[in-house]
Amino acid sequence: MVKSIPKSEDGHGVLVIRDKHNYMITLNTNAMRFTLWQIKPGKPEEYDKIGTADTPFKLYKKIDQLEGV
């Protein structure tokens, strides 16, 4: 769990809001790697790194698995 997204995740991010949790997909433009984070509510927010992939579509499938879709 981290308190902020690493600066290496410097590309555009996508916020994904689902019934159970909120997620963020970030892009490391240097490595061309996407990372899936689960946003933990609180003040301040914290983030759990769930996984990485070469395309965001693989991470959307991971979100569906986590949410039981």
C-alpha atoms as a PDB file:
ATOM      1  CA  MET A   1       0.000   0.000   0.000  1.00  0.00           C
ATOM      2  CA  VAL A   2       1.314   3.454  -0.907  1.00  0.00           C
ATOM      3  CA  LYS A   3       0.165   6.949   0.022  1.00  0.00           C
ATOM      4  CA  SER A   4       0.678   8.355  -3.479  1.00  0.00           C
ATOM      5  CA  ILE A   5       1.089   7.109  -7.021  1.00  0.00           C
ATOM      6  CA  PRO A   6       4.812   6.962  -7.972  1.00  0.00           C
ATOM      7  CA  LYS A   7       6.114   9.766 -10.179  1.00  0.00           C
ATOM      8  CA  SER A   8       7.201   7.157 -12.742  1.00  0.00           C
ATOM      9  CA  GLU A   9       3.498   6.728 -13.550  1.00  0.00           C
ATOM     10  CA  ASP A  10       3.620   9.875 -15.667  1.00  0.00           C
ATOM     11  CA  GLY A  11       1.079   9.175 -18.414  1.00  0.00           C
ATOM     12  CA  HIS A  12      -2.640   9.778 -18.516  1.00  0.00           C
ATOM     13  CA  GLY A  13      -4.623   7.898 -15.896  1.00  0.00           C
ATOM     14  CA  VAL A  14      -8.132   6.500 -15.946  1.00  0.00           C
ATOM     15  CA  LEU A  15     -10.463   6.405 -12.953  1.00  0.00           C
ATOM     16  CA  VAL A  16     -12.732   3.331 -12.879  1.00  0.00           C
ATOM     17  CA  ILE A  17     -15.697   3.474 -10.484  1.00  0.00           C
ATOM     18  CA  ARG A  18     -17.436   0.211  -9.667  1.00  0.00           C
ATOM     19  CA  ASP A  19     -19.967  -0.924  -7.084  1.00  0.00           C
ATOM     20  CA  LYS A  20     -17.493  -2.334  -4.570  1.00  0.00           C
ATOM     21  CA  HIS A  21     -14.317  -0.272  -5.083  1.00  0.00           C
ATOM     22  CA  ASN A  22     -12.745   2.526  -7.073  1.00  0.00           C
ATOM     23  CA  TYR A  23      -9.690   1.846  -9.213  1.00  0.00           C
ATOM     24  CA  MET A  24      -7.119   3.842 -11.132  1.00  0.00           C
ATOM     25  CA  ILE A  25      -5.144   2.718 -14.155  1.00  0.00           C
ATOM     26  CA  THR A  26      -1.931   4.665 -14.686  1.00  0.00           C
ATOM     27  CA  LEU A  27       0.670   4.625 -17.446  1.00  0.00           C
ATOM     28  CA  ASN A  28       4.443   4.581 -17.124  1.00  0.00           C
ATOM     29  CA  THR A  29       5.397   6.160 -20.470  1.00  0.00           C
ATOM     30  CA  ASN A  30       9.056   5.183 -20.166  1.00  0.00           C
ATOM     31  CA  ALA A  31       8.331   1.451 -19.769  1.00  0.00           C
ATOM     32  CA  MET A  32       5.002   1.594 -21.701  1.00  0.00           C
ATOM     33  CA  ARG A  33       3.398  -0.332 -18.844  1.00  0.00           C
ATOM     34  CA  PHE A  34      -0.046   0.145 -17.319  1.00  0.00           C
ATOM     35  CA  THR A  35      -0.612  -0.304 -13.583  1.00  0.00           C
ATOM     36  CA  LEU A  36      -3.875  -1.042 -11.783  1.00  0.00           C
ATOM     37  CA  TRP A  37      -4.377   0.525  -8.350  1.00  0.00           C
ATOM     38  CA  GLN A  38      -7.250   0.012  -5.929  1.00  0.00           C
ATOM     39  CA  ILE A  39      -8.091   3.284  -4.201  1.00  0.00           C
ATOM     40  CA  LYS A  40      -8.516   2.850  -0.447  1.00  0.00           C
ATOM     41  CA  PRO A  41     -10.817   5.536   0.976  1.00  0.00           C
ATOM     42  CA  GLY A  42      -9.622   7.700   3.804  1.00  0.00           C
ATOM     43  CA  LYS A  43      -7.876  10.952   4.483  1.00  0.00           C
ATOM     44  CA  PRO A  44      -5.447  10.839   2.836  1.00  0.00           C
ATOM     45  CA  GLU A  45      -6.322   8.176   0.283  1.00  0.00           C
ATOM     46  CA  GLU A  46      -4.022   5.184  -0.061  1.00  0.00           C
ATOM     47  CA  TYR A  47      -3.476   2.908  -3.045  1.00  0.00           C
ATOM     48  CA  ASP A  48      -2.980  -0.856  -3.348  1.00  0.00           C
ATOM     49  CA  LYS A  49      -1.037  -1.948  -6.416  1.00  0.00           C
ATOM     50  CA  ILE A  50      -3.042  -4.789  -7.957  1.00  0.00           C
ATOM     51  CA  GLY A  51      -1.019  -5.556 -11.088  1.00  0.00           C
ATOM     52  CA  THR A  52       0.590  -4.398 -14.311  1.00  0.00           C
ATOM     53  CA  ALA A  53       0.013  -5.159 -17.978  1.00  0.00           C
ATOM     54  CA  ASP A  54       1.073  -4.063 -21.434  1.00  0.00           C
ATOM     55  CA  THR A  55      -2.488  -2.966 -22.296  1.00  0.00           C
ATOM     56  CA  PRO A  56      -5.212  -1.429 -20.122  1.00  0.00           C
ATOM     57  CA  PHE A  57      -7.749  -3.959 -21.463  1.00  0.00           C
ATOM     58  CA  LYS A  58      -6.086  -6.749 -19.469  1.00  0.00           C
ATOM     59  CA  LEU A  59      -6.490  -4.617 -16.348  1.00  0.00           C
ATOM     60  CA  TYR A  60     -10.187  -4.027 -17.053  1.00  0.00           C
ATOM     61  CA  LYS A  61     -10.593  -7.817 -17.084  1.00  0.00           C
ATOM     62  CA  LYS A  62      -8.782  -7.984 -13.733  1.00  0.00           C
ATOM     63  CA  ILE A  63     -11.216  -5.399 -12.309  1.00  0.00           C
ATOM     64  CA  ASP A  64     -14.147  -7.553 -13.505  1.00  0.00           C
ATOM     65  CA  GLN A  65     -12.614 -10.550 -11.708  1.00  0.00           C
ATOM     66  CA  LEU A  66     -12.123  -8.575  -8.499  1.00  0.00           C
ATOM     67  CA  GLU A  67     -15.682  -7.273  -8.620  1.00  0.00           C
ATOM     68  CA  GLY A  68     -17.143 -10.699  -9.404  1.00  0.00           C
ATOM     69  CA  VAL A  69     -18.531  -9.675 -12.801  1.00  0.00           C
END
